[in-house]
């Protein structure tokens, strides 16, 4: 009787039954709102295409992020109140 080899299955990722991250990425980018949000953030000057790195925050985007951090911290404390 031939010996059966153990099949190693990759864990499934969202949007993919095969476990291949590229399929999950294509699923995410294929949703109509994702590319629209990226387009709007780029037009607003909050993100930029960085050569070799993909998208990243601009200086203005980083400033906006820093502005929202205190509100985020407050929301975290507020949600844990008794």
PDB file of N, CA and C in Angstrom:
ATOM      1  N   UNK A   1       0.858  -1.168   0.000  1.00  0.00           N
ATOM      2  CA  UNK A   1       0.000   0.000   0.000  1.00  0.00           C
ATOM      3  C   UNK A   1       0.905   1.232   0.000  1.00  0.00           C
ATOM      4  N   UNK A   2       0.706   2.180  -0.955  1.00  0.00           N
ATOM      5  CA  UNK A   2       1.549   3.371  -1.014  1.00  0.00           C
ATOM      6  C   UNK A   2       1.304   4.272   0.191  1.00  0.00           C
ATOM      7  N   UNK A   3       2.387   4.868   0.637  1.00  0.00           N
ATOM      8  CA  UNK A   3       2.317   5.752   1.790  1.00  0.00           C
ATOM      9  C   UNK A   3       1.739   7.105   1.365  1.00  0.00           C
ATOM     10  N   UNK A   4       0.759   7.583   2.127  1.00  0.00           N
ATOM     11  CA  UNK A   4       0.154   8.871   1.811  1.00  0.00           C
ATOM     12  C   UNK A   4       0.986   9.978   2.429  1.00  0.00           C
ATOM     13  N   UNK A   5       1.259  10.974   1.623  1.00  0.00           N
ATOM     14  CA  UNK A   5       2.025  12.104   2.144  1.00  0.00           C
ATOM     15  C   UNK A   5       1.087  13.071   2.849  1.00  0.00           C
ATOM     16  N   UNK A   6       1.612  13.699   3.880  1.00  0.00           N
ATOM     17  CA  UNK A   6       0.809  14.679   4.624  1.00  0.00           C
ATOM     18  C   UNK A   6       0.650  15.927   3.775  1.00  0.00           C
ATOM     19  N   UNK A   7      -0.558  16.381   3.652  1.00  0.00           N
ATOM     20  CA  UNK A   7      -0.833  17.595   2.895  1.00  0.00           C
ATOM     21  C   UNK A   7      -0.799  18.782   3.833  1.00  0.00           C
ATOM     22  N   UNK A   8       0.048  19.732   3.500  1.00  0.00           N
ATOM     23  CA  UNK A   8       0.122  20.952   4.310  1.00  0.00           C
ATOM     24  C   UNK A   8      -0.789  21.982   3.673  1.00  0.00           C
ATOM     25  N   UNK A   9      -1.789  22.379   4.429  1.00  0.00           N
ATOM     26  CA  UNK A   9      -2.746  23.360   3.919  1.00  0.00           C
ATOM     27  C   UNK A   9      -2.445  24.707   4.535  1.00  0.00           C
ATOM     28  N   UNK A  10      -2.418  25.703   3.681  1.00  0.00           N
ATOM     29  CA  UNK A  10      -2.259  27.061   4.176  1.00  0.00           C
ATOM     30  C   UNK A  10      -3.566  27.496   4.808  1.00  0.00           C
ATOM     31  N   UNK A  11      -3.498  28.277   5.887  1.00  0.00           N
ATOM     32  CA  UNK A  11      -4.742  28.766   6.477  1.00  0.00           C
ATOM     33  C   UNK A  11      -5.452  29.709   5.503  1.00  0.00           C
ATOM     34  N   UNK A  12      -6.739  29.642   5.512  1.00  0.00           N
ATOM     35  CA  UNK A  12      -7.522  30.504   4.628  1.00  0.00           C
ATOM     36  C   UNK A  12      -7.372  31.952   5.042  1.00  0.00           C
ATOM     37  N   UNK A  13      -7.319  32.813   4.077  1.00  0.00           N
ATOM     38  CA  UNK A  13      -7.313  34.246   4.342  1.00  0.00           C
ATOM     39  C   UNK A  13      -8.606  34.816   3.800  1.00  0.00           C
ATOM     40  N   UNK A  14      -9.014  35.942   4.351  1.00  0.00           N
ATOM     41  CA  UNK A  14     -10.277  36.542   3.950  1.00  0.00           C
ATOM     42  C   UNK A  14     -10.310  36.737   2.433  1.00  0.00           C
ATOM     43  N   UNK A  15     -11.358  36.291   1.827  1.00  0.00           N
ATOM     44  CA  UNK A  15     -11.523  36.469   0.393  1.00  0.00           C
ATOM     45  C   UNK A  15     -10.870  35.384  -0.445  1.00  0.00           C
ATOM     46  N   UNK A  16     -10.284  34.388   0.186  1.00  0.00           N
ATOM     47  CA  UNK A  16      -9.603  33.344  -0.562  1.00  0.00           C
ATOM     48  C   UNK A  16      -9.815  31.993   0.100  1.00  0.00           C
ATOM     49  N   UNK A  17     -10.246  31.028  -0.674  1.00  0.00           N
ATOM     50  CA  UNK A  17     -10.385  29.671  -0.155  1.00  0.00           C
ATOM     51  C   UNK A  17      -9.065  28.915  -0.262  1.00  0.00           C
ATOM     52  N   UNK A  18      -8.136  29.451  -1.052  1.00  0.00           N
ATOM     53  CA  UNK A  18      -6.863  28.766  -1.274  1.00  0.00           C
ATOM     54  C   UNK A  18      -5.807  29.163  -0.261  1.00  0.00           C
ATOM     55  N   UNK A  19      -6.021  30.239   0.469  1.00  0.00           N
ATOM     56  CA  UNK A  19      -5.022  30.706   1.418  1.00  0.00           C
ATOM     57  C   UNK A  19      -3.959  31.579   0.787  1.00  0.00           C
ATOM     58  N   UNK A  20      -4.137  31.942  -0.460  1.00  0.00           N
ATOM     59  CA  UNK A  20      -3.147  32.762  -1.150  1.00  0.00           C
ATOM     60  C   UNK A  20      -3.423  34.242  -0.891  1.00  0.00           C
ATOM     61  N   UNK A  21      -2.461  34.935  -0.293  1.00  0.00           N
ATOM     62  CA  UNK A  21      -2.657  36.353   0.022  1.00  0.00           C
ATOM     63  C   UNK A  21      -2.979  37.212  -1.193  1.00  0.00           C
ATOM     64  N   UNK A  22      -2.451  36.865  -2.364  1.00  0.00           N
ATOM     65  CA  UNK A  22      -2.728  37.663  -3.562  1.00  0.00           C
ATOM     66  C   UNK A  22      -4.221  37.653  -3.878  1.00  0.00           C
ATOM     67  N   UNK A  23      -4.876  36.537  -3.622  1.00  0.00           N
ATOM     68  CA  UNK A  23      -6.308  36.456  -3.884  1.00  0.00           C
ATOM     69  C   UNK A  23      -7.089  37.330  -2.913  1.00  0.00           C
ATOM     70  N   UNK A  24      -6.652  37.362  -1.656  1.00  0.00           N
ATOM     71  CA  UNK A  24      -7.303  38.220  -0.667  1.00  0.00           C
ATOM     72  C   UNK A  24      -7.104  39.686  -1.033  1.00  0.00           C
ATOM     73  N   UNK A  25      -5.892  40.036  -1.490  1.00  0.00           N
ATOM     74  CA  UNK A  25      -5.614  41.418  -1.884  1.00  0.00           C
ATOM     75  C   UNK A  25      -6.475  41.830  -3.066  1.00  0.00           C
ATOM     76  N   UNK A  26      -6.551  40.978  -4.060  1.00  0.00           N
ATOM     77  CA  UNK A  26      -7.380  41.303  -5.231  1.00  0.00           C
ATOM     78  C   UNK A  26      -8.847  41.424  -4.851  1.00  0.00           C
ATOM     79  N   UNK A  27      -9.295  40.612  -3.905  1.00  0.00           N
ATOM     80  CA  UNK A  27     -10.666  40.710  -3.419  1.00  0.00           C
ATOM     81  C   UNK A  27     -10.897  42.073  -2.764  1.00  0.00           C
ATOM     82  N   UNK A  28      -9.955  42.472  -1.925  1.00  0.00           N
ATOM     83  CA  UNK A  28     -10.085  43.756  -1.232  1.00  0.00           C
ATOM     84  C   UNK A  28     -10.062  44.923  -2.216  1.00  0.00           C
ATOM     85  N   UNK A  29      -9.078  44.943  -3.113  1.00  0.00           N
ATOM     86  CA  UNK A  29      -8.970  46.050  -4.068  1.00  0.00           C
ATOM     87  C   UNK A  29     -10.106  46.061  -5.073  1.00  0.00           C
ATOM     88  N   UNK A  30     -10.722  44.908  -5.266  1.00  0.00           N
ATOM     89  CA  UNK A  30     -11.830  44.819  -6.208  1.00  0.00           C
ATOM     90  C   UNK A  30     -13.121  45.428  -5.697  1.00  0.00           C
ATOM     91  N   UNK A  31     -13.176  45.696  -4.418  1.00  0.00           N
ATOM     92  CA  UNK A  31     -14.371  46.333  -3.884  1.00  0.00           C
ATOM     93  C   UNK A  31     -14.382  47.780  -4.338  1.00  0.00           C
ATOM     94  N   UNK A  32     -15.499  48.242  -4.820  1.00  0.00           N
ATOM     95  CA  UNK A  32     -15.550  49.525  -5.507  1.00  0.00           C
ATOM     96  C   UNK A  32     -15.154  50.710  -4.648  1.00  0.00           C
ATOM     97  N   UNK A  33     -15.293  50.645  -3.350  1.00  0.00           N
ATOM     98  CA  UNK A  33     -14.995  51.794  -2.509  1.00  0.00           C
ATOM     99  C   UNK A  33     -13.524  51.938  -2.173  1.00  0.00           C
ATOM    100  N   UNK A  34     -12.736  50.871  -2.233  1.00  0.00           N
ATOM    101  CA  UNK A  34     -11.330  50.931  -1.817  1.00  0.00           C
ATOM    102  C   UNK A  34     -10.521  51.870  -2.696  1.00  0.00           C
ATOM    103  N   UNK A  35     -10.565  51.645  -3.985  1.00  0.00           N
ATOM    104  CA  UNK A  35      -9.793  52.500  -4.883  1.00  0.00           C
ATOM    105  C   UNK A  35     -10.306  53.934  -4.864  1.00  0.00           C
ATOM    106  N   UNK A  36     -11.598  54.109  -4.656  1.00  0.00           N
ATOM    107  CA  UNK A  36     -12.159  55.464  -4.574  1.00  0.00           C
ATOM    108  C   UNK A  36     -11.603  56.220  -3.368  1.00  0.00           C
ATOM    109  N   UNK A  37     -11.527  55.533  -2.228  1.00  0.00           N
ATOM    110  CA  UNK A  37     -10.982  56.158  -1.020  1.00  0.00           C
ATOM    111  C   UNK A  37      -9.518  56.529  -1.240  1.00  0.00           C
ATOM    112  N   UNK A  38      -8.745  55.609  -1.818  1.00  0.00           N
ATOM    113  CA  UNK A  38      -7.336  55.910  -2.083  1.00  0.00           C
ATOM    114  C   UNK A  38      -7.202  57.097  -3.030  1.00  0.00           C
ATOM    115  N   UNK A  39      -8.027  57.150  -4.046  1.00  0.00           N
ATOM    116  CA  UNK A  39      -8.005  58.261  -5.003  1.00  0.00           C
ATOM    117  C   UNK A  39      -8.305  59.578  -4.293  1.00  0.00           C
ATOM    118  N   UNK A  40      -9.328  59.599  -3.473  1.00  0.00           N
ATOM    119  CA  UNK A  40      -9.720  60.828  -2.776  1.00  0.00           C
ATOM    120  C   UNK A  40      -8.644  61.282  -1.793  1.00  0.00           C
ATOM    121  N   UNK A  41      -8.054  60.340  -1.045  1.00  0.00           N
ATOM    122  CA  UNK A  41      -6.996  60.699  -0.098  1.00  0.00           C
ATOM    123  C   UNK A  41      -5.769  61.249  -0.822  1.00  0.00           C
ATOM    124  N   UNK A  42      -5.471  60.698  -1.992  1.00  0.00           N
ATOM    125  CA  UNK A  42      -4.331  61.201  -2.776  1.00  0.00           C
ATOM    126  C   UNK A  42      -4.648  62.595  -3.318  1.00  0.00           C
ATOM    127  N   UNK A  43      -5.878  62.787  -3.840  1.00  0.00           N
ATOM    128  CA  UNK A  43      -6.261  64.113  -4.347  1.00  0.00           C
ATOM    129  C   UNK A  43      -6.267  65.162  -3.240  1.00  0.00           C
ATOM    130  N   UNK A  44      -6.559  64.719  -2.003  1.00  0.00           N
ATOM    131  CA  UNK A  44      -6.585  65.651  -0.870  1.00  0.00           C
ATOM    132  C   UNK A  44      -5.184  65.911  -0.316  1.00  0.00           C
ATOM    133  N   UNK A  45      -4.198  65.201  -0.836  1.00  0.00           N
ATOM    134  CA  UNK A  45      -2.825  65.402  -0.392  1.00  0.00           C
ATOM    135  C   UNK A  45      -2.487  64.704   0.914  1.00  0.00           C
ATOM    136  N   UNK A  46      -3.256  63.694   1.295  1.00  0.00           N
ATOM    137  CA  UNK A  46      -3.022  63.000   2.561  1.00  0.00           C
ATOM    138  C   UNK A  46      -2.163  61.743   2.403  1.00  0.00           C
ATOM    139  N   UNK A  47      -2.194  61.140   1.215  1.00  0.00           N
ATOM    140  CA  UNK A  47      -1.316  60.005   0.929  1.00  0.00           C
ATOM    141  C   UNK A  47      -0.612  60.275  -0.386  1.00  0.00           C
ATOM    142  N   UNK A  48       0.522  59.590  -0.564  1.00  0.00           N
ATOM    143  CA  UNK A  48       1.277  59.733  -1.798  1.00  0.00           C
ATOM    144  C   UNK A  48       1.883  58.389  -2.169  1.00  0.00           C
ATOM    145  N   UNK A  49       2.178  58.251  -3.441  1.00  0.00           N
ATOM    146  CA  UNK A  49       2.838  57.046  -3.920  1.00  0.00           C
ATOM    147  C   UNK A  49       4.336  57.229  -3.706  1.00  0.00           C
ATOM    148  N   UNK A  50       4.915  56.352  -2.900  1.00  0.00           N
ATOM    149  CA  UNK A  50       6.343  56.425  -2.574  1.00  0.00           C
ATOM    150  C   UNK A  50       7.075  55.410  -3.440  1.00  0.00           C
ATOM    151  N   UNK A  51       8.055  55.864  -4.192  1.00  0.00           N
ATOM    152  CA  UNK A  51       8.803  54.997  -5.102  1.00  0.00           C
ATOM    153  C   UNK A  51       9.322  53.754  -4.387  1.00  0.00           C
ATOM    154  N   UNK A  52       8.898  52.577  -4.827  1.00  0.00           N
ATOM    155  CA  UNK A  52       9.372  51.321  -4.280  1.00  0.00           C
ATOM    156  C   UNK A  52       8.709  50.880  -2.989  1.00  0.00           C
ATOM    157  N   UNK A  53       7.867  51.723  -2.381  1.00  0.00           N
ATOM    158  CA  UNK A  53       7.245  51.384  -1.102  1.00  0.00           C
ATOM    159  C   UNK A  53       5.729  51.349  -1.143  1.00  0.00           C
ATOM    160  N   UNK A  54       5.118  51.749  -2.224  1.00  0.00           N
ATOM    161  CA  UNK A  54       3.661  51.825  -2.279  1.00  0.00           C
ATOM    162  C   UNK A  54       3.179  53.163  -1.755  1.00  0.00           C
ATOM    163  N   UNK A  55       2.047  53.163  -1.108  1.00  0.00           N
ATOM    164  CA  UNK A  55       1.475  54.406  -0.602  1.00  0.00           C
ATOM    165  C   UNK A  55       1.899  54.669   0.836  1.00  0.00           C
ATOM    166  N   UNK A  56       2.021  55.949   1.154  1.00  0.00           N
ATOM    167  CA  UNK A  56       2.353  56.356   2.513  1.00  0.00           C
ATOM    168  C   UNK A  56       1.736  57.713   2.797  1.00  0.00           C
ATOM    169  N   UNK A  57       1.728  58.080   4.051  1.00  0.00           N
ATOM    170  CA  UNK A  57       1.182  59.378   4.437  1.00  0.00           C
ATOM    171  C   UNK A  57       2.121  60.500   4.007  1.00  0.00           C
ATOM    172  N   UNK A  58       1.548  61.594   3.554  1.00  0.00           N
ATOM    173  CA  UNK A  58       2.324  62.799   3.299  1.00  0.00           C
ATOM    174  C   UNK A  58       2.552  63.492   4.636  1.00  0.00           C
ATOM    175  N   UNK A  59       3.293  64.589   4.627  1.00  0.00           N
ATOM    176  CA  UNK A  59       3.474  65.350   5.861  1.00  0.00           C
ATOM    177  C   UNK A  59       2.121  65.828   6.382  1.00  0.00           C
ATOM    178  N   UNK A  60       1.245  66.250   5.481  1.00  0.00           N
ATOM    179  CA  UNK A  60      -0.098  66.689   5.874  1.00  0.00           C
ATOM    180  C   UNK A  60      -0.890  65.518   6.465  1.00  0.00           C
ATOM    181  N   UNK A  61      -0.763  64.333   5.859  1.00  0.00           N
ATOM    182  CA  UNK A  61      -1.429  63.139   6.373  1.00  0.00           C
ATOM    183  C   UNK A  61      -0.929  62.759   7.755  1.00  0.00           C
ATOM    184  N   UNK A  62       0.393  62.893   7.968  1.00  0.00           N
ATOM    185  CA  UNK A  62       0.971  62.602   9.280  1.00  0.00           C
ATOM    186  C   UNK A  62       0.461  63.593  10.323  1.00  0.00           C
ATOM    187  N   UNK A  63       0.338  64.852   9.917  1.00  0.00           N
ATOM    188  CA  UNK A  63      -0.183  65.872  10.839  1.00  0.00           C
ATOM    189  C   UNK A  63      -1.632  65.575  11.211  1.00  0.00           C
ATOM    190  N   UNK A  64      -2.436  65.156  10.234  1.00  0.00           N
ATOM    191  CA  UNK A  64      -3.823  64.795  10.509  1.00  0.00           C
ATOM    192  C   UNK A  64      -3.888  63.598  11.455  1.00  0.00           C
ATOM    193  N   UNK A  65      -3.027  62.622  11.243  1.00  0.00           N
ATOM    194  CA  UNK A  65      -2.969  61.454  12.120  1.00  0.00           C
ATOM    195  C   UNK A  65      -2.644  61.873  13.550  1.00  0.00           C
ATOM    196  N   UNK A  66      -1.661  62.740  13.720  1.00  0.00           N
ATOM    197  CA  UNK A  66      -1.289  63.223  15.050  1.00  0.00           C
ATOM    198  C   UNK A  66      -2.429  64.015  15.690  1.00  0.00           C
ATOM    199  N   UNK A  67      -3.188  64.713  14.890  1.00  0.00           N
ATOM    200  CA  UNK A  67      -4.324  65.488  15.391  1.00  0.00           C
ATOM    201  C   UNK A  67      -5.411  64.577  15.942  1.00  0.00           C
ATOM    202  N   UNK A  68      -5.618  63.433  15.308  1.00  0.00           N
ATOM    203  CA  UNK A  68      -6.670  62.517  15.730  1.00  0.00           C
ATOM    204  C   UNK A  68      -6.262  61.587  16.878  1.00  0.00           C
ATOM    205  N   UNK A  69      -4.971  61.462  17.139  1.00  0.00           N
ATOM    206  CA  UNK A  69      -4.533  60.556  18.207  1.00  0.00           C
ATOM    207  C   UNK A  69      -5.142  60.890  19.573  1.00  0.00           C
ATOM    208  N   UNK A  70      -5.186  62.161  20.006  1.00  0.00           N
ATOM    209  CA  UNK A  70      -5.820  62.442  21.300  1.00  0.00           C
ATOM    210  C   UNK A  70      -7.302  62.047  21.330  1.00  0.00           C
ATOM    211  N   UNK A  71      -7.995  62.241  20.226  1.00  0.00           N
ATOM    212  CA  UNK A  71      -9.400  61.846  20.157  1.00  0.00           C
ATOM    213  C   UNK A  71      -9.524  60.322  20.251  1.00  0.00           C
ATOM    214  N   UNK A  72      -8.627  59.623  19.596  1.00  0.00           N
ATOM    215  CA  UNK A  72      -8.622  58.152  19.668  1.00  0.00           C
ATOM    216  C   UNK A  72      -8.378  57.692  21.106  1.00  0.00           C
ATOM    217  N   UNK A  73      -7.403  58.293  21.768  1.00  0.00           N
ATOM    218  CA  UNK A  73      -7.101  57.917  23.157  1.00  0.00           C
ATOM    219  C   UNK A  73      -8.295  58.189  24.063  1.00  0.00           C
ATOM    220  N   UNK A  74      -8.955  59.332  23.856  1.00  0.00           N
ATOM    221  CA  UNK A  74     -10.147  59.653  24.634  1.00  0.00           C
ATOM    222  C   UNK A  74     -11.233  58.605  24.397  1.00  0.00           C
ATOM    223  N   UNK A  75     -11.456  58.238  23.139  1.00  0.00           N
ATOM    224  CA  UNK A  75     -12.487  57.254  22.803  1.00  0.00           C
ATOM    225  C   UNK A  75     -12.197  55.910  23.464  1.00  0.00           C
ATOM    226  N   UNK A  76     -10.916  55.524  23.520  1.00  0.00           N
ATOM    227  CA  UNK A  76     -10.545  54.283  24.189  1.00  0.00           C
ATOM    228  C   UNK A  76     -10.888  54.344  25.677  1.00  0.00           C
ATOM    229  N   UNK A  77     -10.541  55.454  26.330  1.00  0.00           N
ATOM    230  CA  UNK A  77     -10.864  55.595  27.760  1.00  0.00           C
ATOM    231  C   UNK A  77     -12.375  55.653  27.970  1.00  0.00           C
ATOM    232  N   UNK A  78     -13.065  56.368  27.128  1.00  0.00           N
ATOM    233  CA  UNK A  78     -14.506  56.526  27.226  1.00  0.00           C
ATOM    234  C   UNK A  78     -15.225  55.176  27.093  1.00  0.00           C
ATOM    235  N   UNK A  79     -14.743  54.341  26.173  1.00  0.00           N
ATOM    236  CA  UNK A  79     -15.400  53.048  25.938  1.00  0.00           C
ATOM    237  C   UNK A  79     -15.219  52.090  27.116  1.00  0.00           C
ATOM    238  N   UNK A  80     -14.217  52.333  27.967  1.00  0.00           N
ATOM    239  CA  UNK A  80     -13.945  51.442  29.097  1.00  0.00           C
ATOM    240  C   UNK A  80     -14.543  51.949  30.407  1.00  0.00           C
ATOM    241  N   UNK A  81     -15.303  53.026  30.331  1.00  0.00           N
ATOM    242  CA  UNK A  81     -15.867  53.588  31.573  1.00  0.00           C
ATOM    243  C   UNK A  81     -16.890  52.617  32.156  1.00  0.00           C
ATOM    244  N   UNK A  82     -17.080  52.706  33.466  1.00  0.00           N
ATOM    245  CA  UNK A  82     -18.013  51.777  34.125  1.00  0.00           C
ATOM    246  C   UNK A  82     -19.404  52.343  34.229  1.00  0.00           C
TER     247      UNK A  82
END
